[in-house]
Amino acid sequence: APQAAGKIHTDFERGFIKAEVVNYQDLLDNGSLAAAREKGIVGMEGK
């Protein structure tokens, strides 16, 4: 995750805390990130 964040900007990798992750299809099926969070299918991932 930290190295992936660095693809966006080096600051993202240097200051990485957590990554909020949801599968693309799960997000599409639920219609929004908020709805996916409510169902508990959004993971909070570390380094």
All heavy atoms as atom14 arrays in JSON, in Angstrom:
{
  "sequence": "APQAAGKIHTDFERGFIKAEVVNYQDLLDNGSLAAAREKGIVGMEGK",
  "atom14_mask": [
    [1, 1, 1, 1, 1, 0, 0, 0, 0, 0, 0, 0, 0, 0],
    [1, 1, 1, 1, 1, 1, 1, 0, 0, 0, 0, 0, 0, 0],
    [1, 1, 1, 1, 1, 1, 1, 1, 1, 0, 0, 0, 0, 0],
    [1, 1, 1, 1, 1, 0, 0, 0, 0, 0, 0, 0, 0, 0],
    [1, 1, 1, 1, 1, 0, 0, 0, 0, 0, 0, 0, 0, 0],
    [1, 1, 1, 1, 0, 0, 0, 0, 0, 0, 0, 0, 0, 0],
    [1, 1, 1, 1, 1, 1, 1, 1, 1, 0, 0, 0, 0, 0],
    [1, 1, 1, 1, 1, 1, 1, 1, 0, 0, 0, 0, 0, 0],
    [1, 1, 1, 1, 1, 1, 1, 1, 1, 1, 0, 0, 0, 0],
    [1, 1, 1, 1, 1, 1, 1, 0, 0, 0, 0, 0, 0, 0],
    [1, 1, 1, 1, 1, 1, 1, 1, 0, 0, 0, 0, 0, 0],
    [1, 1, 1, 1, 1, 1, 1, 1, 1, 1, 1, 0, 0, 0],
    [1, 1, 1, 1, 1, 1, 1, 1, 1, 0, 0, 0, 0, 0],
    [1, 1, 1, 1, 1, 1, 1, 1, 1, 1, 1, 0, 0, 0],
    [1, 1, 1, 1, 0, 0, 0, 0, 0, 0, 0, 0, 0, 0],
    [1, 1, 1, 1, 1, 1, 1, 1, 1, 1, 1, 0, 0, 0],
    [1, 1, 1, 1, 1, 1, 1, 1, 0, 0, 0, 0, 0, 0],
    [1, 1, 1, 1, 1, 1, 1, 1, 1, 0, 0, 0, 0, 0],
    [1, 1, 1, 1, 1, 0, 0, 0, 0, 0, 0, 0, 0, 0],
    [1, 1, 1, 1, 1, 1, 1, 1, 1, 0, 0, 0, 0, 0],
    [1, 1, 1, 1, 1, 1, 1, 0, 0, 0, 0, 0, 0, 0],
    [1, 1, 1, 1, 1, 1, 1, 0, 0, 0, 0, 0, 0, 0],
    [1, 1, 1, 1, 1, 1, 1, 1, 0, 0, 0, 0, 0, 0],
    [1, 1, 1, 1, 1, 1, 1, 1, 1, 1, 1, 1, 0, 0],
    [1, 1, 1, 1, 1, 1, 1, 1, 1, 0, 0, 0, 0, 0],
    [1, 1, 1, 1, 1, 1, 1, 1, 0, 0, 0, 0, 0, 0],
    [1, 1, 1, 1, 1, 1, 1, 1, 0, 0, 0, 0, 0, 0],
    [1, 1, 1, 1, 1, 1, 1, 1, 0, 0, 0, 0, 0, 0],
    [1, 1, 1, 1, 1, 1, 1, 1, 0, 0, 0, 0, 0, 0],
    [1, 1, 1, 1, 1, 1, 1, 1, 0, 0, 0, 0, 0, 0],
    [1, 1, 1, 1, 0, 0, 0, 0, 0, 0, 0, 0, 0, 0],
    [1, 1, 1, 1, 1, 1, 0, 0, 0, 0, 0, 0, 0, 0],
    [1, 1, 1, 1, 1, 1, 1, 1, 0, 0, 0, 0, 0, 0],
    [1, 1, 1, 1, 1, 0, 0, 0, 0, 0, 0, 0, 0, 0],
    [1, 1, 1, 1, 1, 0, 0, 0, 0, 0, 0, 0, 0, 0],
    [1, 1, 1, 1, 1, 0, 0, 0, 0, 0, 0, 0, 0, 0],
    [1, 1, 1, 1, 1, 1, 1, 1, 1, 1, 1, 0, 0, 0],
    [1, 1, 1, 1, 1, 1, 1, 1, 1, 0, 0, 0, 0, 0],
    [1, 1, 1, 1, 1, 1, 1, 1, 1, 0, 0, 0, 0, 0],
    [1, 1, 1, 1, 0, 0, 0, 0, 0, 0, 0, 0, 0, 0],
    [1, 1, 1, 1, 1, 1, 1, 1, 0, 0, 0, 0, 0, 0],
    [1, 1, 1, 1, 1, 1, 1, 0, 0, 0, 0, 0, 0, 0],
    [1, 1, 1, 1, 0, 0, 0, 0, 0, 0, 0, 0, 0, 0],
    [1, 1, 1, 1, 1, 1, 1, 1, 0, 0, 0, 0, 0, 0],
    [1, 1, 1, 1, 1, 1, 1, 1, 1, 0, 0, 0, 0, 0],
    [1, 1, 1, 1, 0, 0, 0, 0, 0, 0, 0, 0, 0, 0],
    [1, 1, 1, 1, 1, 1, 1, 1, 1, 0, 0, 0, 0, 0]
  ],
  "atom14_positions": [
    [[0.8, -1.23, 0.0], [0.0, 0.0, 0.0], [0.84, 1.29, 0.0], [0.55, 2.2, -0.79], [-0.97, -0.01, 1.17], [0.0, 0.0, 0.0], [0.0, 0.0, 0.0], [0.0, 0.0, 0.0], [0.0, 0.0, 0.0], [0.0, 0.0, 0.0], [0.0, 0.0, 0.0], [0.0, 0.0, 0.0], [0.0, 0.0, 0.0], [0.0, 0.0, 0.0]],
    [[1.87, 1.42, 0.84], [2.63, 2.69, 0.83], [3.28, 2.98, -0.52], [3.3, 4.12, -0.98], [3.68, 2.48, 1.92], [3.1, 1.45, 2.82], [2.33, 0.54, 1.93], [0.0, 0.0, 0.0], [0.0, 0.0, 0.0], [0.0, 0.0, 0.0], [0.0, 0.0, 0.0], [0.0, 0.0, 0.0], [0.0, 0.0, 0.0], [0.0, 0.0, 0.0]],
    [[3.82, 1.93, -1.17], [4.47, 2.12, -2.47], [3.44, 2.45, -3.55], [3.71, 3.24, -4.46], [5.27, 0.87, -2.85], [6.54, 0.67, -2.03], [6.27, 0.32, -0.56], [5.49, -0.59, -0.3], [6.9, 1.05, 0.35], [0.0, 0.0, 0.0], [0.0, 0.0, 0.0], [0.0, 0.0, 0.0], [0.0, 0.0, 0.0], [0.0, 0.0, 0.0]],
    [[2.26, 1.86, -3.44], [1.18, 2.2, -4.38], [0.79, 3.67, -4.2], [0.58, 4.4, -5.18], [-0.02, 1.3, -4.15], [0.0, 0.0, 0.0], [0.0, 0.0, 0.0], [0.0, 0.0, 0.0], [0.0, 0.0, 0.0], [0.0, 0.0, 0.0], [0.0, 0.0, 0.0], [0.0, 0.0, 0.0], [0.0, 0.0, 0.0], [0.0, 0.0, 0.0]],
    [[0.72, 4.11, -2.94], [0.39, 5.51, -2.66], [1.43, 6.44, -3.28], [1.1, 7.52, -3.77], [0.31, 5.73, -1.16], [0.0, 0.0, 0.0], [0.0, 0.0, 0.0], [0.0, 0.0, 0.0], [0.0, 0.0, 0.0], [0.0, 0.0, 0.0], [0.0, 0.0, 0.0], [0.0, 0.0, 0.0], [0.0, 0.0, 0.0], [0.0, 0.0, 0.0]],
    [[2.7, 5.99, -3.29], [3.77, 6.8, -3.86], [3.63, 7.01, -5.35], [4.23, 7.94, -5.91], [0.0, 0.0, 0.0], [0.0, 0.0, 0.0], [0.0, 0.0, 0.0], [0.0, 0.0, 0.0], [0.0, 0.0, 0.0], [0.0, 0.0, 0.0], [0.0, 0.0, 0.0], [0.0, 0.0, 0.0], [0.0, 0.0, 0.0], [0.0, 0.0, 0.0]],
    [[2.85, 6.16, -6.03], [2.6, 6.36, -7.46], [1.8, 7.63, -7.69], [1.9, 8.26, -8.74], [1.85, 5.15, -8.04], [2.68, 3.9, -8.16], [3.7, 4.04, -9.27], [4.53, 2.79, -9.45], [5.52, 2.92, -10.54], [0.0, 0.0, 0.0], [0.0, 0.0, 0.0], [0.0, 0.0, 0.0], [0.0, 0.0, 0.0], [0.0, 0.0, 0.0]],
    [[0.98, 7.99, -6.72], [0.17, 9.2, -6.82], [1.02, 10.43, -6.49], [1.05, 11.41, -7.23], [-1.06, 9.12, -5.9], [-1.91, 7.89, -6.28], [-1.88, 10.4, -5.97], [-3.08, 7.64, -5.35], [0.0, 0.0, 0.0], [0.0, 0.0, 0.0], [0.0, 0.0, 0.0], [0.0, 0.0, 0.0], [0.0, 0.0, 0.0], [0.0, 0.0, 0.0]],
    [[1.73, 10.35, -5.36], [2.62, 11.44, -4.95], [3.57, 10.9, -3.89], [3.18, 10.09, -3.05], [1.81, 12.62, -4.38], [2.59, 13.9, -4.31], [3.56, 14.12, -3.36], [2.55, 15.01, -5.09], [4.08, 15.32, -3.54], [3.48, 15.89, -4.59], [0.0, 0.0, 0.0], [0.0, 0.0, 0.0], [0.0, 0.0, 0.0], [0.0, 0.0, 0.0]],
    [[4.8, 11.34, -3.93], [5.78, 10.86, -2.96], [5.38, 11.18, -1.53], [5.72, 10.44, -0.6], [7.17, 11.47, -3.24], [7.06, 12.91, -3.3], [7.72, 10.95, -4.56], [0.0, 0.0, 0.0], [0.0, 0.0, 0.0], [0.0, 0.0, 0.0], [0.0, 0.0, 0.0], [0.0, 0.0, 0.0], [0.0, 0.0, 0.0], [0.0, 0.0, 0.0]],
    [[4.64, 12.29, -1.32], [4.17, 12.62, 0.02], [3.23, 11.56, 0.57], [3.19, 11.32, 1.79], [3.45, 13.98, 0.02], [4.42, 15.15, -0.08], [5.64, 14.93, 0.04], [3.95, 16.29, -0.3], [0.0, 0.0, 0.0], [0.0, 0.0, 0.0], [0.0, 0.0, 0.0], [0.0, 0.0, 0.0], [0.0, 0.0, 0.0], [0.0, 0.0, 0.0]],
    [[2.44, 10.94, -0.31], [1.5, 9.91, 0.11], [2.25, 8.72, 0.7], [1.8, 8.11, 1.67], [0.65, 9.44, -1.08], [-0.46, 10.37, -1.46], [-0.34, 11.74, -1.33], [-1.66, 9.88, -1.98], [-1.36, 12.6, -1.69], [-2.69, 10.73, -2.34], [-2.54, 12.09, -2.2], [0.0, 0.0, 0.0], [0.0, 0.0, 0.0], [0.0, 0.0, 0.0]],
    [[3.38, 8.37, 0.09], [4.16, 7.25, 0.59], [4.91, 7.65, 1.86], [4.94, 6.89, 2.84], [5.15, 6.77, -0.48], [6.0, 5.6, -0.02], [6.92, 5.07, -1.12], [6.9, 5.62, -2.25], [7.65, 4.09, -0.86], [0.0, 0.0, 0.0], [0.0, 0.0, 0.0], [0.0, 0.0, 0.0], [0.0, 0.0, 0.0], [0.0, 0.0, 0.0]],
    [[5.51, 8.82, 1.83], [6.31, 9.27, 2.98], [5.47, 9.42, 4.24], [5.92, 9.09, 5.34], [6.97, 10.6, 2.62], [7.94, 11.15, 3.65], [8.87, 12.17, 3.02], [8.14, 13.22, 2.34], [7.74, 14.37, 2.92], [8.02, 14.58, 4.19], [7.08, 15.28, 2.23], [0.0, 0.0, 0.0], [0.0, 0.0, 0.0], [0.0, 0.0, 0.0]],
    [[4.24, 9.92, 4.08], [3.39, 10.15, 5.25], [2.26, 9.14, 5.39], [1.26, 9.42, 6.06], [0.0, 0.0, 0.0], [0.0, 0.0, 0.0], [0.0, 0.0, 0.0], [0.0, 0.0, 0.0], [0.0, 0.0, 0.0], [0.0, 0.0, 0.0], [0.0, 0.0, 0.0], [0.0, 0.0, 0.0], [0.0, 0.0, 0.0], [0.0, 0.0, 0.0]],
    [[2.41, 7.97, 4.77], [1.34, 6.97, 4.76], [0.88, 6.61, 6.17], [1.69, 6.34, 7.06], [1.82, 5.72, 4.03], [0.81, 4.6, 4.0], [-0.12, 4.54, 2.97], [0.79, 3.63, 4.99], [-1.05, 3.5, 2.93], [-0.14, 2.6, 4.96], [-1.06, 2.54, 3.93], [0.0, 0.0, 0.0], [0.0, 0.0, 0.0], [0.0, 0.0, 0.0]],
    [[-0.44, 6.59, 6.35], [-1.03, 6.16, 7.62], [-1.84, 4.88, 7.41], [-1.54, 3.84, 7.97], [-1.93, 7.26, 8.23], [-1.11, 8.53, 8.5], [-2.59, 6.75, 9.52], [-1.95, 9.71, 8.95], [0.0, 0.0, 0.0], [0.0, 0.0, 0.0], [0.0, 0.0, 0.0], [0.0, 0.0, 0.0], [0.0, 0.0, 0.0], [0.0, 0.0, 0.0]],
    [[-2.88, 5.0, 6.6], [-3.75, 3.86, 6.31], [-4.27, 3.98, 4.88], [-4.2, 5.04, 4.26], [-4.96, 3.83, 7.27], [-4.62, 3.51, 8.72], [-4.29, 2.03, 8.9], [-4.06, 1.69, 10.37], [-3.69, 0.27, 10.57], [0.0, 0.0, 0.0], [0.0, 0.0, 0.0], [0.0, 0.0, 0.0], [0.0, 0.0, 0.0], [0.0, 0.0, 0.0]],
    [[-4.8, 2.86, 4.38], [-5.45, 2.85, 3.07], [-6.87, 2.31, 3.25], [-7.05, 1.21, 3.77], [-4.68, 1.99, 2.08], [0.0, 0.0, 0.0], [0.0, 0.0, 0.0], [0.0, 0.0, 0.0], [0.0, 0.0, 0.0], [0.0, 0.0, 0.0], [0.0, 0.0, 0.0], [0.0, 0.0, 0.0], [0.0, 0.0, 0.0], [0.0, 0.0, 0.0]],
    [[-7.84, 3.1, 2.82], [-9.23, 2.66, 2.86], [-9.5, 1.95, 1.53], [-9.45, 2.58, 0.47], [-10.15, 3.86, 3.06], [-11.51, 3.51, 3.6], [-12.3, 4.73, 4.04], [-11.79, 5.86, 3.88], [-13.42, 4.54, 4.54], [0.0, 0.0, 0.0], [0.0, 0.0, 0.0], [0.0, 0.0, 0.0], [0.0, 0.0, 0.0], [0.0, 0.0, 0.0]],
    [[-9.8, 0.65, 1.58], [-9.82, -0.18, 0.37], [-11.17, -0.88, 0.22], [-11.7, -1.47, 1.16], [-8.71, -1.25, 0.41], [-8.72, -2.07, -0.87], [-7.35, -0.61, 0.64], [0.0, 0.0, 0.0], [0.0, 0.0, 0.0], [0.0, 0.0, 0.0], [0.0, 0.0, 0.0], [0.0, 0.0, 0.0], [0.0, 0.0, 0.0], [0.0, 0.0, 0.0]],
    [[-11.71, -0.81, -1.01], [-12.92, -1.55, -1.33], [-12.75, -2.12, -2.74], [-12.16, -1.49, -3.61], [-14.18, -0.66, -1.25], [-14.12, 0.5, -2.24], [-15.46, -1.48, -1.47], [0.0, 0.0, 0.0], [0.0, 0.0, 0.0], [0.0, 0.0, 0.0], [0.0, 0.0, 0.0], [0.0, 0.0, 0.0], [0.0, 0.0, 0.0], [0.0, 0.0, 0.0]],
    [[-13.27, -3.33, -2.93], [-13.23, -3.93, -4.26], [-14.11, -3.14, -5.22], [-15.19, -2.68, -4.85], [-13.71, -5.38, -4.17], [-13.85, -6.04, -5.53], [-14.92, -6.03, -6.12], [-12.76, -6.58, -6.03], [0.0, 0.0, 0.0], [0.0, 0.0, 0.0], [0.0, 0.0, 0.0], [0.0, 0.0, 0.0], [0.0, 0.0, 0.0], [0.0, 0.0, 0.0]],
    [[-13.62, -2.99, -6.45], [-14.34, -2.21, -7.46], [-15.79, -2.67, -7.61], [-16.72, -1.84, -7.59], [-13.61, -2.3, -8.79], [-14.49, -2.14, -9.99], [-14.93, -0.89, -10.41], [-14.93, -3.26, -10.71], [-15.76, -0.74, -11.51], [-15.77, -3.13, -11.81], [-16.18, -1.87, -12.2], [-17.01, -1.72, -13.28], [0.0, 0.0, 0.0], [0.0, 0.0, 0.0]],
    [[-16.01, -3.98, -7.75], [-17.37, -4.48, -7.99], [-18.26, -4.25, -6.77], [-19.44, -3.93, -6.92], [-17.32, -5.97, -8.34], [-18.65, -6.51, -8.88], [-19.09, -5.8, -10.15], [-18.33, -5.71, -11.11], [-20.31, -5.27, -10.14], [0.0, 0.0, 0.0], [0.0, 0.0, 0.0], [0.0, 0.0, 0.0], [0.0, 0.0, 0.0], [0.0, 0.0, 0.0]],
    [[-17.69, -4.4, -5.57], [-18.46, -4.15, -4.36], [-18.9, -2.69, -4.29], [-20.04, -2.38, -3.9], [-17.64, -4.49, -3.11], [-17.46, -5.99, -2.93], [-18.25, -6.75, -3.51], [-16.52, -6.39, -2.22], [0.0, 0.0, 0.0], [0.0, 0.0, 0.0], [0.0, 0.0, 0.0], [0.0, 0.0, 0.0], [0.0, 0.0, 0.0], [0.0, 0.0, 0.0]],
    [[-18.01, -1.78, -4.66], [-18.35, -0.36, -4.67], [-19.46, -0.09, -5.68], [-20.43, 0.63, -5.39], [-17.11, 0.47, -5.01], [-17.32, 1.99, -5.15], [-17.9, 2.58, -3.87], [-16.0, 2.68, -5.5], [0.0, 0.0, 0.0], [0.0, 0.0, 0.0], [0.0, 0.0, 0.0], [0.0, 0.0, 0.0], [0.0, 0.0, 0.0], [0.0, 0.0, 0.0]],
    [[-19.34, -0.68, -6.85], [-20.34, -0.47, -7.89], [-21.69, -1.02, -7.45], [-22.74, -0.38, -7.64], [-19.88, -1.15, -9.18], [-20.31, -0.52, -10.5], [-19.75, 0.89, -10.64], [-19.86, -1.38, -11.68], [0.0, 0.0, 0.0], [0.0, 0.0, 0.0], [0.0, 0.0, 0.0], [0.0, 0.0, 0.0], [0.0, 0.0, 0.0], [0.0, 0.0, 0.0]],
    [[-21.69, -2.22, -6.85], [-22.94, -2.85, -6.42], [-23.65, -2.06, -5.34], [-24.89, -2.06, -5.27], [-22.66, -4.28, -5.92], [-22.24, -5.22, -7.04], [-22.46, -4.88, -8.21], [-21.68, -6.3, -6.72], [0.0, 0.0, 0.0], [0.0, 0.0, 0.0], [0.0, 0.0, 0.0], [0.0, 0.0, 0.0], [0.0, 0.0, 0.0], [0.0, 0.0, 0.0]],
    [[-22.87, -1.39, -4.47], [-23.47, -0.65, -3.36], [-23.78, 0.8, -3.69], [-24.47, 1.47, -2.94], [-22.55, -0.72, -2.14], [-22.61, -2.07, -1.45], [-23.49, -2.31, -0.62], [-21.71, -2.97, -1.81], [0.0, 0.0, 0.0], [0.0, 0.0, 0.0], [0.0, 0.0, 0.0], [0.0, 0.0, 0.0], [0.0, 0.0, 0.0], [0.0, 0.0, 0.0]],
    [[-23.25, 1.29, -4.79], [-23.64, 2.62, -5.27], [-22.87, 3.78, -4.71], [-22.94, 4.88, -5.24], [0.0, 0.0, 0.0], [0.0, 0.0, 0.0], [0.0, 0.0, 0.0], [0.0, 0.0, 0.0], [0.0, 0.0, 0.0], [0.0, 0.0, 0.0], [0.0, 0.0, 0.0], [0.0, 0.0, 0.0], [0.0, 0.0, 0.0], [0.0, 0.0, 0.0]],
    [[-22.14, 3.57, -3.62], [-21.34, 4.66, -3.04], [-20.38, 4.09, -2.01], [-20.6, 2.99, -1.48], [-22.23, 5.72, -2.39], [-22.81, 5.23, -1.2], [0.0, 0.0, 0.0], [0.0, 0.0, 0.0], [0.0, 0.0, 0.0], [0.0, 0.0, 0.0], [0.0, 0.0, 0.0], [0.0, 0.0, 0.0], [0.0, 0.0, 0.0], [0.0, 0.0, 0.0]],
    [[-19.34, 4.85, -1.71], [-18.38, 4.43, -0.7], [-19.03, 4.41, 0.68], [-18.77, 3.53, 1.5], [-17.16, 5.36, -0.7], [-16.01, 4.99, 0.23], [-15.44, 3.62, -0.14], [-14.9, 6.04, 0.16], [0.0, 0.0, 0.0], [0.0, 0.0, 0.0], [0.0, 0.0, 0.0], [0.0, 0.0, 0.0], [0.0, 0.0, 0.0], [0.0, 0.0, 0.0]],
    [[-19.93, 5.38, 0.93], [-20.62, 5.45, 2.22], [-21.47, 4.2, 2.45], [-21.47, 3.62, 3.54], [-21.49, 6.7, 2.28], [0.0, 0.0, 0.0], [0.0, 0.0, 0.0], [0.0, 0.0, 0.0], [0.0, 0.0, 0.0], [0.0, 0.0, 0.0], [0.0, 0.0, 0.0], [0.0, 0.0, 0.0], [0.0, 0.0, 0.0], [0.0, 0.0, 0.0]],
    [[-22.19, 3.77, 1.41], [-23.02, 2.57, 1.53], [-22.16, 1.33, 1.75], [-22.53, 0.43, 2.52], [-23.88, 2.41, 0.28], [0.0, 0.0, 0.0], [0.0, 0.0, 0.0], [0.0, 0.0, 0.0], [0.0, 0.0, 0.0], [0.0, 0.0, 0.0], [0.0, 0.0, 0.0], [0.0, 0.0, 0.0], [0.0, 0.0, 0.0], [0.0, 0.0, 0.0]],
    [[-21.02, 1.28, 1.09], [-20.11, 0.15, 1.26], [-19.55, 0.12, 2.68], [-19.38, -0.94, 3.28], [-18.98, 0.22, 0.24], [0.0, 0.0, 0.0], [0.0, 0.0, 0.0], [0.0, 0.0, 0.0], [0.0, 0.0, 0.0], [0.0, 0.0, 0.0], [0.0, 0.0, 0.0], [0.0, 0.0, 0.0], [0.0, 0.0, 0.0], [0.0, 0.0, 0.0]],
    [[-19.28, 1.31, 3.23], [-18.79, 1.39, 4.61], [-19.84, 0.86, 5.58], [-19.52, 0.13, 6.52], [-18.46, 2.84, 4.97], [-17.17, 3.39, 4.39], [-16.8, 4.7, 5.07], [-15.69, 5.38, 4.42], [-15.8, 6.51, 3.71], [-17.0, 7.08, 3.57], [-14.74, 7.06, 3.17], [0.0, 0.0, 0.0], [0.0, 0.0, 0.0], [0.0, 0.0, 0.0]],
    [[-21.09, 1.23, 5.36], [-22.17, 0.81, 6.24], [-22.3, -0.71, 6.27], [-22.67, -1.29, 7.31], [-23.49, 1.43, 5.78], [-23.6, 2.92, 6.07], [-24.92, 3.51, 5.59], [-25.8, 2.72, 5.17], [-25.08, 4.73, 5.64], [0.0, 0.0, 0.0], [0.0, 0.0, 0.0], [0.0, 0.0, 0.0], [0.0, 0.0, 0.0], [0.0, 0.0, 0.0]],
    [[-22.01, -1.35, 5.14], [-22.1, -2.82, 5.07], [-20.83, -3.5, 5.59], [-20.76, -4.72, 5.65], [-22.37, -3.26, 3.64], [-23.79, -2.98, 3.18], [-24.09, -3.73, 1.89], [-25.54, -3.56, 1.5], [-25.87, -4.29, 0.24], [0.0, 0.0, 0.0], [0.0, 0.0, 0.0], [0.0, 0.0, 0.0], [0.0, 0.0, 0.0], [0.0, 0.0, 0.0]],
    [[-19.84, -2.71, 5.95], [-18.61, -3.26, 6.51], [-17.71, -3.96, 5.52], [-16.93, -4.83, 5.88], [0.0, 0.0, 0.0], [0.0, 0.0, 0.0], [0.0, 0.0, 0.0], [0.0, 0.0, 0.0], [0.0, 0.0, 0.0], [0.0, 0.0, 0.0], [0.0, 0.0, 0.0], [0.0, 0.0, 0.0], [0.0, 0.0, 0.0], [0.0, 0.0, 0.0]],
    [[-17.8, -3.55, 4.23], [-16.97, -4.2, 3.21], [-15.82, -3.3, 2.75], [-15.15, -3.61, 1.76], [-17.82, -4.65, 2.0], [-18.59, -3.46, 1.42], [-18.76, -5.78, 2.39], [-19.37, -3.83, 0.16], [0.0, 0.0, 0.0], [0.0, 0.0, 0.0], [0.0, 0.0, 0.0], [0.0, 0.0, 0.0], [0.0, 0.0, 0.0], [0.0, 0.0, 0.0]],
    [[-15.61, -2.21, 3.48], [-14.47, -1.33, 3.21], [-13.41, -1.62, 4.27], [-13.66, -1.48, 5.46], [-14.86, 0.16, 3.23], [-13.62, 1.03, 2.99], [-15.93, 0.45, 2.18], [0.0, 0.0, 0.0], [0.0, 0.0, 0.0], [0.0, 0.0, 0.0], [0.0, 0.0, 0.0], [0.0, 0.0, 0.0], [0.0, 0.0, 0.0], [0.0, 0.0, 0.0]],
    [[-12.23, -2.03, 3.82], [-11.16, -2.36, 4.75], [-10.27, -1.17, 5.04], [-10.05, -0.32, 4.18], [0.0, 0.0, 0.0], [0.0, 0.0, 0.0], [0.0, 0.0, 0.0], [0.0, 0.0, 0.0], [0.0, 0.0, 0.0], [0.0, 0.0, 0.0], [0.0, 0.0, 0.0], [0.0, 0.0, 0.0], [0.0, 0.0, 0.0], [0.0, 0.0, 0.0]],
    [[-9.76, -1.11, 6.26], [-8.76, -0.11, 6.64], [-7.43, -0.85, 6.75], [-7.2, -1.59, 7.7], [-9.14, 0.56, 7.96], [-8.33, 1.82, 8.23], [-8.66, 3.15, 7.04], [-10.27, 3.72, 7.56], [0.0, 0.0, 0.0], [0.0, 0.0, 0.0], [0.0, 0.0, 0.0], [0.0, 0.0, 0.0], [0.0, 0.0, 0.0], [0.0, 0.0, 0.0]],
    [[-6.57, -0.66, 5.74], [-5.37, -1.47, 5.63], [-4.11, -0.69, 5.98], [-4.04, 0.52, 5.77], [-5.24, -2.02, 4.2], [-6.48, -2.76, 3.7], [-6.73, -4.06, 4.43], [-5.85, -4.5, 5.19], [-7.82, -4.66, 4.23], [0.0, 0.0, 0.0], [0.0, 0.0, 0.0], [0.0, 0.0, 0.0], [0.0, 0.0, 0.0], [0.0, 0.0, 0.0]],
    [[-3.11, -1.42, 6.49], [-1.85, -0.8, 6.91], [-0.73, -0.98, 5.9], [-0.94, -1.32, 4.73], [0.0, 0.0, 0.0], [0.0, 0.0, 0.0], [0.0, 0.0, 0.0], [0.0, 0.0, 0.0], [0.0, 0.0, 0.0], [0.0, 0.0, 0.0], [0.0, 0.0, 0.0], [0.0, 0.0, 0.0], [0.0, 0.0, 0.0], [0.0, 0.0, 0.0]],
    [[0.49, -0.8, 6.39], [1.67, -0.77, 5.52], [1.99, -2.1, 4.85], [2.67, -2.13, 3.83], [2.89, -0.3, 6.32], [2.81, 1.15, 6.77], [4.07, 1.56, 7.52], [4.0, 3.03, 7.91], [5.23, 3.46, 8.63], [0.0, 0.0, 0.0], [0.0, 0.0, 0.0], [0.0, 0.0, 0.0], [0.0, 0.0, 0.0], [0.0, 0.0, 0.0]]
  ]
}
